[in-house]
């Protein structure tokens, strides 16, 4: 149980996991996002607790089988971190949980530009490197981030002015 809890806290050090949804949902006051992380984390804790109770009750031969099953259960639940949303484009976008859940983020961007792009949730700590290594085609970055220059990335032009600039263009 403690390990599952610590696993969700790993999001605070940019290690990903179900905590990304929980803490992103708290920051955005988005109940659905919170539940998308909390429910799988709770189920994971319950299943692992059940498997450990089986380990305590079984003989030596069955104990090995149960102990082998536990990492598989953990891998199944941890795969909830990346969620493909659509499959009509060859491009792959990686957006932070906050950007995905905001009406002025991915939701509105899809409406204004009519995008039909596959999207995955990714931590901002690794998204710049992922696009540099060509694992992603588009990310939700910051136009002032120094990693743009480091990784030789280009900022896309917002010709429909969806993202209002702080200062007018010259």
N, C-alpha and C. Protein backbone atom coordinates (compact mmCIF):
# COMPACT_ATOMS: atom_id res chain seq x y z
N UNK A 1 0.83 -1.19 0.00
CA UNK A 1 0.00 0.00 0.00
C UNK A 1 0.87 1.25 0.00
N UNK A 2 1.90 1.24 0.81
CA UNK A 2 2.78 2.40 0.89
C UNK A 2 3.46 2.64 -0.45
N UNK A 3 3.89 1.58 -1.11
CA UNK A 3 4.57 1.74 -2.40
C UNK A 3 3.66 2.35 -3.46
N UNK A 4 2.40 1.99 -3.46
CA UNK A 4 1.46 2.57 -4.42
C UNK A 4 1.29 4.06 -4.12
N UNK A 5 1.17 4.41 -2.87
CA UNK A 5 1.07 5.82 -2.48
C UNK A 5 2.29 6.62 -2.88
N UNK A 6 3.46 6.06 -2.63
CA UNK A 6 4.71 6.73 -3.02
C UNK A 6 4.79 6.83 -4.54
N UNK A 7 4.28 5.81 -5.23
CA UNK A 7 4.27 5.85 -6.70
C UNK A 7 3.46 7.02 -7.25
N UNK A 8 2.37 7.36 -6.60
CA UNK A 8 1.58 8.51 -7.06
C UNK A 8 2.30 9.81 -6.73
N UNK A 9 3.05 9.85 -5.64
CA UNK A 9 3.80 11.05 -5.28
C UNK A 9 4.99 11.28 -6.20
N UNK A 10 5.36 10.27 -6.97
CA UNK A 10 6.48 10.40 -7.90
C UNK A 10 6.25 11.52 -8.91
N UNK A 11 5.00 11.89 -9.14
CA UNK A 11 4.69 12.97 -10.08
C UNK A 11 5.31 14.29 -9.62
N UNK A 12 5.50 14.46 -8.31
CA UNK A 12 6.10 15.70 -7.80
C UNK A 12 7.55 15.86 -8.20
N UNK A 13 8.22 14.78 -8.55
CA UNK A 13 9.62 14.89 -8.99
C UNK A 13 9.73 14.55 -10.48
N UNK A 14 8.66 14.78 -11.21
CA UNK A 14 8.60 14.59 -12.68
C UNK A 14 8.90 13.15 -13.08
N UNK A 15 8.53 12.19 -12.23
CA UNK A 15 8.74 10.78 -12.57
C UNK A 15 7.49 10.15 -13.17
N UNK A 16 6.46 10.94 -13.39
CA UNK A 16 5.26 10.44 -14.05
C UNK A 16 4.38 9.62 -13.14
N UNK A 17 3.55 8.79 -13.74
CA UNK A 17 2.67 7.92 -12.98
C UNK A 17 1.28 8.49 -12.84
N UNK A 18 0.47 7.80 -12.09
CA UNK A 18 -0.92 8.19 -11.91
C UNK A 18 -1.07 9.49 -11.13
N UNK A 19 -0.05 9.85 -10.38
CA UNK A 19 -0.08 11.12 -9.65
C UNK A 19 -0.17 12.33 -10.57
N UNK A 20 0.30 12.20 -11.81
CA UNK A 20 0.19 13.30 -12.78
C UNK A 20 -1.27 13.71 -12.95
N UNK A 21 -2.14 12.71 -13.05
CA UNK A 21 -3.57 13.01 -13.21
C UNK A 21 -4.15 13.59 -11.93
N UNK A 22 -3.77 13.02 -10.80
CA UNK A 22 -4.32 13.48 -9.52
C UNK A 22 -3.93 14.93 -9.26
N UNK A 23 -2.64 15.24 -9.36
CA UNK A 23 -2.18 16.59 -9.04
C UNK A 23 -2.55 17.60 -10.12
N UNK A 24 -2.59 17.16 -11.38
CA UNK A 24 -3.07 18.03 -12.44
C UNK A 24 -4.54 18.36 -12.25
N UNK A 25 -5.33 17.37 -11.86
CA UNK A 25 -6.75 17.58 -11.60
C UNK A 25 -7.00 18.49 -10.42
N UNK A 26 -6.17 18.36 -9.39
CA UNK A 26 -6.30 19.25 -8.23
C UNK A 26 -5.98 20.69 -8.65
N UNK A 27 -4.91 20.86 -9.43
CA UNK A 27 -4.52 22.19 -9.87
C UNK A 27 -5.59 22.84 -10.74
N UNK A 28 -6.29 22.03 -11.53
CA UNK A 28 -7.30 22.56 -12.45
C UNK A 28 -8.72 22.47 -11.90
N UNK A 29 -8.86 21.93 -10.69
CA UNK A 29 -10.18 21.69 -10.09
C UNK A 29 -11.03 20.84 -11.03
N UNK A 30 -10.42 19.78 -11.58
CA UNK A 30 -11.06 18.90 -12.55
C UNK A 30 -11.25 17.52 -11.91
N UNK A 31 -12.46 17.24 -11.49
CA UNK A 31 -12.76 15.99 -10.79
C UNK A 31 -12.48 14.77 -11.65
N UNK A 32 -12.82 14.83 -12.93
CA UNK A 32 -12.59 13.69 -13.81
C UNK A 32 -11.10 13.34 -13.91
N UNK A 33 -10.25 14.35 -13.98
CA UNK A 33 -8.82 14.11 -14.06
C UNK A 33 -8.31 13.50 -12.75
N UNK A 34 -8.81 13.98 -11.63
CA UNK A 34 -8.42 13.43 -10.33
C UNK A 34 -8.80 11.95 -10.26
N UNK A 35 -10.04 11.65 -10.66
CA UNK A 35 -10.51 10.26 -10.62
C UNK A 35 -9.76 9.37 -11.59
N UNK A 36 -9.29 9.93 -12.72
CA UNK A 36 -8.52 9.14 -13.69
C UNK A 36 -7.21 8.65 -13.10
N UNK A 37 -6.71 9.31 -12.10
CA UNK A 37 -5.51 8.85 -11.41
C UNK A 37 -5.82 8.11 -10.12
N UNK A 38 -6.82 8.58 -9.39
CA UNK A 38 -7.12 8.01 -8.07
C UNK A 38 -7.75 6.62 -8.14
N UNK A 39 -8.66 6.41 -9.08
CA UNK A 39 -9.34 5.11 -9.17
C UNK A 39 -8.36 4.00 -9.54
N UNK A 40 -7.54 4.16 -10.60
CA UNK A 40 -6.56 3.10 -10.90
C UNK A 40 -5.55 2.89 -9.77
N UNK A 41 -5.16 3.98 -9.09
CA UNK A 41 -4.21 3.83 -7.97
C UNK A 41 -4.85 3.04 -6.83
N UNK A 42 -6.11 3.33 -6.54
CA UNK A 42 -6.81 2.60 -5.49
C UNK A 42 -7.00 1.13 -5.87
N UNK A 43 -7.38 0.88 -7.12
CA UNK A 43 -7.52 -0.51 -7.57
C UNK A 43 -6.20 -1.26 -7.52
N UNK A 44 -5.13 -0.58 -7.90
CA UNK A 44 -3.81 -1.19 -7.83
C UNK A 44 -3.46 -1.57 -6.39
N UNK A 45 -3.73 -0.68 -5.45
CA UNK A 45 -3.46 -0.96 -4.05
C UNK A 45 -4.29 -2.15 -3.55
N UNK A 46 -5.57 -2.20 -3.93
CA UNK A 46 -6.45 -3.30 -3.50
C UNK A 46 -5.99 -4.63 -4.08
N UNK A 47 -5.65 -4.63 -5.36
CA UNK A 47 -5.21 -5.88 -6.01
C UNK A 47 -3.90 -6.36 -5.41
N UNK A 48 -2.96 -5.45 -5.20
CA UNK A 48 -1.68 -5.85 -4.61
C UNK A 48 -1.86 -6.34 -3.17
N UNK A 49 -2.75 -5.70 -2.43
CA UNK A 49 -3.03 -6.15 -1.06
C UNK A 49 -3.64 -7.55 -1.08
N UNK A 50 -4.55 -7.81 -2.01
CA UNK A 50 -5.16 -9.13 -2.14
C UNK A 50 -4.09 -10.18 -2.48
N UNK A 51 -3.21 -9.84 -3.43
CA UNK A 51 -2.16 -10.79 -3.80
C UNK A 51 -1.21 -11.08 -2.63
N UNK A 52 -0.91 -10.06 -1.86
CA UNK A 52 -0.05 -10.29 -0.68
C UNK A 52 -0.76 -11.15 0.36
N UNK A 53 -2.09 -11.00 0.49
CA UNK A 53 -2.82 -11.86 1.43
C UNK A 53 -2.78 -13.31 0.95
N UNK A 54 -2.81 -13.52 -0.38
CA UNK A 54 -2.68 -14.87 -0.92
C UNK A 54 -1.30 -15.45 -0.62
N UNK A 55 -0.29 -14.61 -0.71
CA UNK A 55 1.07 -15.07 -0.42
C UNK A 55 1.16 -15.58 1.02
N UNK A 56 0.52 -14.87 1.93
CA UNK A 56 0.56 -15.27 3.34
C UNK A 56 -0.19 -16.57 3.58
N UNK A 57 -1.23 -16.86 2.80
CA UNK A 57 -2.07 -18.02 3.05
C UNK A 57 -1.66 -19.26 2.26
N UNK A 58 -0.82 -19.12 1.27
CA UNK A 58 -0.50 -20.24 0.39
C UNK A 58 0.77 -20.96 0.80
N UNK A 59 0.92 -22.13 0.22
CA UNK A 59 2.13 -22.91 0.44
C UNK A 59 3.27 -22.36 -0.42
N UNK A 60 4.42 -22.98 -0.30
CA UNK A 60 5.62 -22.51 -0.97
C UNK A 60 5.50 -22.51 -2.49
N UNK A 61 4.89 -23.55 -3.09
CA UNK A 61 4.79 -23.63 -4.56
C UNK A 61 3.86 -22.56 -5.12
N UNK A 62 2.71 -22.38 -4.50
CA UNK A 62 1.76 -21.37 -4.97
C UNK A 62 2.29 -19.96 -4.71
N UNK A 63 3.09 -19.83 -3.68
CA UNK A 63 3.63 -18.51 -3.33
C UNK A 63 4.46 -17.95 -4.48
N UNK A 64 5.25 -18.81 -5.14
CA UNK A 64 6.05 -18.35 -6.28
C UNK A 64 5.18 -17.82 -7.40
N UNK A 65 4.07 -18.50 -7.69
CA UNK A 65 3.16 -18.07 -8.75
C UNK A 65 2.57 -16.70 -8.44
N UNK A 66 2.13 -16.52 -7.21
CA UNK A 66 1.54 -15.24 -6.82
C UNK A 66 2.59 -14.13 -6.87
N UNK A 67 3.80 -14.42 -6.42
CA UNK A 67 4.85 -13.40 -6.45
C UNK A 67 5.24 -13.02 -7.88
N UNK A 68 5.14 -13.97 -8.81
CA UNK A 68 5.40 -13.66 -10.21
C UNK A 68 4.28 -12.81 -10.81
N UNK A 69 3.07 -12.96 -10.33
CA UNK A 69 1.92 -12.24 -10.88
C UNK A 69 1.91 -10.77 -10.46
N UNK A 70 2.47 -10.44 -9.31
CA UNK A 70 2.40 -9.08 -8.81
C UNK A 70 3.05 -8.05 -9.74
N UNK A 71 4.26 -8.27 -10.26
CA UNK A 71 4.82 -7.27 -11.19
C UNK A 71 3.97 -7.10 -12.45
N UNK A 72 3.33 -8.18 -12.91
CA UNK A 72 2.48 -8.08 -14.09
C UNK A 72 1.26 -7.20 -13.82
N UNK A 73 0.68 -7.35 -12.65
CA UNK A 73 -0.46 -6.51 -12.28
C UNK A 73 -0.03 -5.06 -12.21
N UNK A 74 1.12 -4.81 -11.61
CA UNK A 74 1.62 -3.44 -11.50
C UNK A 74 1.84 -2.83 -12.89
N UNK A 75 2.42 -3.59 -13.82
CA UNK A 75 2.66 -3.08 -15.17
C UNK A 75 1.35 -2.77 -15.89
N UNK A 76 0.33 -3.60 -15.69
CA UNK A 76 -0.96 -3.35 -16.33
C UNK A 76 -1.55 -2.03 -15.88
N UNK A 77 -1.51 -1.78 -14.57
CA UNK A 77 -2.09 -0.55 -14.06
C UNK A 77 -1.24 0.67 -14.37
N UNK A 78 0.09 0.52 -14.39
CA UNK A 78 0.94 1.67 -14.65
C UNK A 78 0.85 2.12 -16.09
N UNK A 79 0.33 1.28 -16.98
CA UNK A 79 0.20 1.67 -18.38
C UNK A 79 -0.92 2.69 -18.60
N UNK A 80 -1.70 3.03 -17.56
CA UNK A 80 -2.73 4.04 -17.68
C UNK A 80 -2.15 5.43 -17.88
N UNK A 81 -0.85 5.59 -17.67
CA UNK A 81 -0.24 6.92 -17.71
C UNK A 81 -0.35 7.57 -19.09
N UNK A 82 -0.16 6.82 -20.18
CA UNK A 82 -0.24 7.37 -21.52
C UNK A 82 -1.56 6.94 -22.14
N UNK A 83 -2.36 7.90 -22.51
CA UNK A 83 -3.70 7.61 -23.01
C UNK A 83 -3.88 8.12 -24.44
N UNK A 84 -3.88 7.24 -25.45
CA UNK A 84 -4.15 7.71 -26.80
C UNK A 84 -5.60 8.17 -26.92
N UNK A 85 -5.81 9.31 -27.57
CA UNK A 85 -7.16 9.86 -27.65
C UNK A 85 -7.78 9.74 -29.03
N UNK A 86 -7.00 9.75 -30.09
CA UNK A 86 -7.57 9.69 -31.43
C UNK A 86 -6.60 9.02 -32.38
N UNK A 87 -7.08 8.57 -33.51
CA UNK A 87 -6.21 7.82 -34.42
C UNK A 87 -6.36 8.26 -35.87
N UNK A 88 -6.78 9.49 -36.15
CA UNK A 88 -7.02 9.89 -37.52
C UNK A 88 -5.84 10.63 -38.14
N UNK A 89 -4.75 10.81 -37.44
CA UNK A 89 -3.61 11.55 -37.96
C UNK A 89 -2.33 10.73 -37.77
N UNK A 90 -1.37 11.01 -38.63
CA UNK A 90 -0.07 10.36 -38.47
C UNK A 90 0.79 11.08 -37.44
N UNK A 91 0.45 12.32 -37.16
CA UNK A 91 1.20 13.09 -36.18
C UNK A 91 0.84 12.64 -34.77
N UNK A 92 1.79 12.78 -33.86
CA UNK A 92 1.56 12.45 -32.46
C UNK A 92 1.92 13.65 -31.61
N UNK A 93 0.97 14.12 -30.83
CA UNK A 93 1.19 15.27 -29.96
C UNK A 93 1.34 14.79 -28.52
N UNK A 94 2.21 15.44 -27.77
CA UNK A 94 2.37 15.17 -26.34
C UNK A 94 2.06 16.42 -25.56
N UNK A 95 1.00 16.39 -24.77
CA UNK A 95 0.57 17.54 -24.01
C UNK A 95 0.59 17.23 -22.52
N UNK A 96 0.84 18.24 -21.70
CA UNK A 96 0.83 18.06 -20.25
C UNK A 96 -0.60 17.81 -19.79
N UNK A 97 -0.78 17.20 -18.62
CA UNK A 97 -2.15 16.96 -18.12
C UNK A 97 -2.94 18.26 -18.00
N UNK A 98 -2.29 19.33 -17.57
CA UNK A 98 -2.99 20.62 -17.43
C UNK A 98 -3.49 21.11 -18.79
N UNK A 99 -2.65 21.03 -19.82
CA UNK A 99 -3.02 21.49 -21.16
C UNK A 99 -4.15 20.65 -21.73
N UNK A 100 -4.12 19.34 -21.46
CA UNK A 100 -5.16 18.44 -21.97
C UNK A 100 -6.52 18.75 -21.36
N UNK A 101 -6.56 19.13 -20.10
CA UNK A 101 -7.82 19.28 -19.41
C UNK A 101 -8.43 20.66 -19.47
N UNK A 102 -7.74 21.61 -20.08
CA UNK A 102 -8.23 22.99 -20.09
C UNK A 102 -9.02 23.30 -21.36
N UNK A 103 -10.09 24.08 -21.20
CA UNK A 103 -10.86 24.49 -22.37
C UNK A 103 -10.07 25.45 -23.24
N UNK A 104 -9.11 26.17 -22.64
CA UNK A 104 -8.24 27.04 -23.44
C UNK A 104 -6.93 26.34 -23.79
N UNK A 105 -6.91 25.02 -23.70
CA UNK A 105 -5.76 24.21 -24.08
C UNK A 105 -6.12 23.32 -25.25
N UNK A 106 -5.93 22.02 -25.09
CA UNK A 106 -6.16 21.07 -26.17
C UNK A 106 -7.60 21.07 -26.67
N UNK A 107 -8.55 21.17 -25.76
CA UNK A 107 -9.97 21.12 -26.15
C UNK A 107 -10.31 22.26 -27.11
N UNK A 108 -9.96 23.47 -26.74
CA UNK A 108 -10.24 24.62 -27.59
C UNK A 108 -9.39 24.64 -28.85
N UNK A 109 -8.15 24.21 -28.73
CA UNK A 109 -7.25 24.16 -29.89
C UNK A 109 -7.80 23.25 -30.98
N UNK A 110 -8.36 22.12 -30.57
CA UNK A 110 -8.97 21.19 -31.53
C UNK A 110 -10.16 21.84 -32.24
N UNK A 111 -10.95 22.61 -31.49
CA UNK A 111 -12.12 23.25 -32.08
C UNK A 111 -11.73 24.37 -33.05
N UNK A 112 -10.82 25.22 -32.63
CA UNK A 112 -10.44 26.38 -33.45
C UNK A 112 -9.74 25.95 -34.73
N UNK A 113 -8.81 25.00 -34.62
CA UNK A 113 -8.03 24.58 -35.78
C UNK A 113 -8.59 23.32 -36.46
N UNK A 114 -9.60 22.70 -35.88
CA UNK A 114 -10.16 21.48 -36.45
C UNK A 114 -9.17 20.33 -36.47
N UNK A 115 -8.35 20.23 -35.43
CA UNK A 115 -7.31 19.20 -35.38
C UNK A 115 -7.88 17.82 -35.11
N UNK A 116 -7.33 16.85 -35.80
CA UNK A 116 -7.63 15.44 -35.54
C UNK A 116 -6.27 14.77 -35.42
N UNK A 117 -5.66 14.94 -34.27
CA UNK A 117 -4.30 14.48 -34.05
C UNK A 117 -4.27 13.53 -32.85
N UNK A 118 -3.49 12.45 -32.96
CA UNK A 118 -3.34 11.54 -31.82
C UNK A 118 -2.60 12.28 -30.72
N UNK A 119 -3.04 12.08 -29.50
CA UNK A 119 -2.49 12.82 -28.37
C UNK A 119 -2.18 11.89 -27.22
N UNK A 120 -1.07 12.13 -26.55
CA UNK A 120 -0.72 11.41 -25.34
C UNK A 120 -0.42 12.42 -24.24
N UNK A 121 -0.65 12.02 -23.01
CA UNK A 121 -0.32 12.85 -21.86
C UNK A 121 1.14 12.61 -21.52
N UNK A 122 1.89 13.69 -21.34
CA UNK A 122 3.31 13.58 -21.05
C UNK A 122 3.71 14.66 -20.05
N UNK A 123 4.70 14.38 -19.24
CA UNK A 123 5.20 15.34 -18.28
C UNK A 123 6.01 16.41 -18.99
N UNK A 124 5.89 17.65 -18.53
CA UNK A 124 6.65 18.72 -19.15
C UNK A 124 8.16 18.56 -18.94
N UNK A 125 8.53 17.72 -17.99
CA UNK A 125 9.96 17.48 -17.73
C UNK A 125 10.63 16.71 -18.87
N UNK A 126 9.86 15.93 -19.62
CA UNK A 126 10.46 15.10 -20.67
C UNK A 126 9.94 15.40 -22.07
N UNK A 127 8.96 16.28 -22.20
CA UNK A 127 8.34 16.46 -23.51
C UNK A 127 9.27 17.10 -24.53
N UNK A 128 10.12 18.03 -24.12
CA UNK A 128 11.03 18.67 -25.07
C UNK A 128 12.03 17.66 -25.64
N UNK A 129 12.55 16.82 -24.76
CA UNK A 129 13.49 15.81 -25.23
C UNK A 129 12.79 14.78 -26.13
N UNK A 130 11.54 14.46 -25.81
CA UNK A 130 10.78 13.49 -26.61
C UNK A 130 10.55 14.00 -28.02
N UNK A 131 10.25 15.28 -28.18
CA UNK A 131 10.05 15.83 -29.52
C UNK A 131 11.39 15.94 -30.25
N UNK A 132 12.46 16.24 -29.53
CA UNK A 132 13.79 16.29 -30.12
C UNK A 132 14.23 14.92 -30.64
N UNK A 133 13.89 13.88 -29.88
CA UNK A 133 14.24 12.51 -30.28
C UNK A 133 13.23 11.91 -31.26
N UNK A 134 12.31 12.73 -31.75
CA UNK A 134 11.31 12.34 -32.75
C UNK A 134 10.35 11.25 -32.26
N UNK A 135 10.12 11.21 -30.96
CA UNK A 135 9.11 10.32 -30.41
C UNK A 135 7.74 11.00 -30.44
N UNK A 136 7.76 12.34 -30.52
CA UNK A 136 6.56 13.15 -30.65
C UNK A 136 6.77 14.13 -31.79
N UNK A 137 5.66 14.60 -32.35
CA UNK A 137 5.74 15.59 -33.43
C UNK A 137 5.40 17.00 -32.95
N UNK A 138 4.51 17.10 -31.96
CA UNK A 138 4.03 18.38 -31.45
C UNK A 138 3.96 18.29 -29.94
N UNK A 139 4.33 19.38 -29.25
CA UNK A 139 4.20 19.43 -27.80
C UNK A 139 3.56 20.76 -27.39
N UNK A 140 3.11 20.82 -26.17
CA UNK A 140 2.55 22.06 -25.61
C UNK A 140 3.65 22.73 -24.79
N UNK A 141 4.49 23.47 -25.44
CA UNK A 141 5.62 24.09 -24.75
C UNK A 141 5.41 25.57 -24.54
N UNK A 142 6.46 26.21 -24.08
CA UNK A 142 6.46 27.65 -23.84
C UNK A 142 7.38 28.30 -24.85
N UNK A 143 6.91 29.35 -25.50
CA UNK A 143 7.71 30.00 -26.55
C UNK A 143 8.97 30.66 -26.00
N UNK A 144 9.04 30.84 -24.68
CA UNK A 144 10.22 31.46 -24.08
C UNK A 144 11.16 30.45 -23.42
N UNK A 145 10.84 29.16 -23.53
CA UNK A 145 11.64 28.12 -22.87
C UNK A 145 12.99 27.97 -23.57
N UNK A 146 14.06 27.95 -22.77
CA UNK A 146 15.41 27.81 -23.31
C UNK A 146 15.67 26.49 -24.00
N UNK A 147 14.86 25.48 -23.69
CA UNK A 147 15.05 24.17 -24.33
C UNK A 147 14.68 24.20 -25.81
N UNK A 148 13.91 25.20 -26.25
CA UNK A 148 13.61 25.33 -27.67
C UNK A 148 14.90 25.53 -28.46
N UNK A 149 15.75 26.41 -27.96
CA UNK A 149 17.02 26.67 -28.64
C UNK A 149 17.98 25.49 -28.46
N UNK A 150 18.01 24.91 -27.27
CA UNK A 150 18.89 23.78 -26.99
C UNK A 150 18.62 22.61 -27.93
N UNK A 151 17.35 22.29 -28.15
CA UNK A 151 16.98 21.16 -28.99
C UNK A 151 16.67 21.57 -30.44
N UNK A 152 16.91 22.85 -30.78
CA UNK A 152 16.68 23.36 -32.13
C UNK A 152 15.24 23.09 -32.58
N UNK A 153 14.27 23.50 -31.75
CA UNK A 153 12.85 23.30 -32.04
C UNK A 153 12.23 24.59 -32.56
N UNK A 154 11.18 24.47 -33.31
CA UNK A 154 10.48 25.63 -33.86
C UNK A 154 9.15 25.84 -33.17
N UNK A 155 8.78 27.10 -32.99
CA UNK A 155 7.48 27.45 -32.44
C UNK A 155 6.52 27.60 -33.62
N UNK A 156 5.38 26.92 -33.54
CA UNK A 156 4.39 27.00 -34.62
C UNK A 156 3.69 28.36 -34.59
N UNK A 157 3.36 28.88 -35.74
CA UNK A 157 2.68 30.16 -35.84
C UNK A 157 1.19 29.96 -35.56
N UNK A 158 0.65 30.81 -34.71
CA UNK A 158 -0.76 30.76 -34.34
C UNK A 158 -1.51 31.77 -35.21
N UNK A 159 -1.75 31.43 -36.47
CA UNK A 159 -2.36 32.36 -37.41
C UNK A 159 -3.81 32.71 -37.08
N UNK A 160 -4.47 31.90 -36.29
CA UNK A 160 -5.85 32.20 -35.87
C UNK A 160 -5.87 32.90 -34.52
N UNK A 161 -4.68 33.18 -33.98
CA UNK A 161 -4.50 33.91 -32.72
C UNK A 161 -5.31 33.31 -31.57
N UNK A 162 -5.27 31.99 -31.50
CA UNK A 162 -5.96 31.29 -30.41
C UNK A 162 -5.30 31.60 -29.07
N UNK A 163 -3.98 31.56 -29.05
CA UNK A 163 -3.24 31.89 -27.83
C UNK A 163 -2.91 33.38 -27.91
N UNK A 164 -3.57 34.16 -27.10
CA UNK A 164 -3.40 35.61 -27.16
C UNK A 164 -2.03 35.99 -26.62
N UNK A 165 -1.23 36.70 -27.42
CA UNK A 165 0.09 37.10 -26.93
C UNK A 165 -0.03 38.20 -25.88
N UNK A 166 0.95 38.25 -24.99
CA UNK A 166 0.96 39.29 -23.96
C UNK A 166 1.18 40.65 -24.62
N UNK A 167 2.12 40.68 -25.57
CA UNK A 167 2.41 41.90 -26.28
C UNK A 167 2.02 41.73 -27.75
N UNK A 168 1.51 42.79 -28.40
CA UNK A 168 1.15 42.65 -29.81
C UNK A 168 2.38 42.37 -30.67
N UNK A 169 2.17 41.65 -31.76
CA UNK A 169 3.28 41.33 -32.67
C UNK A 169 3.72 42.58 -33.40
N UNK A 170 5.00 42.62 -33.75
CA UNK A 170 5.54 43.77 -34.49
C UNK A 170 5.90 43.37 -35.89
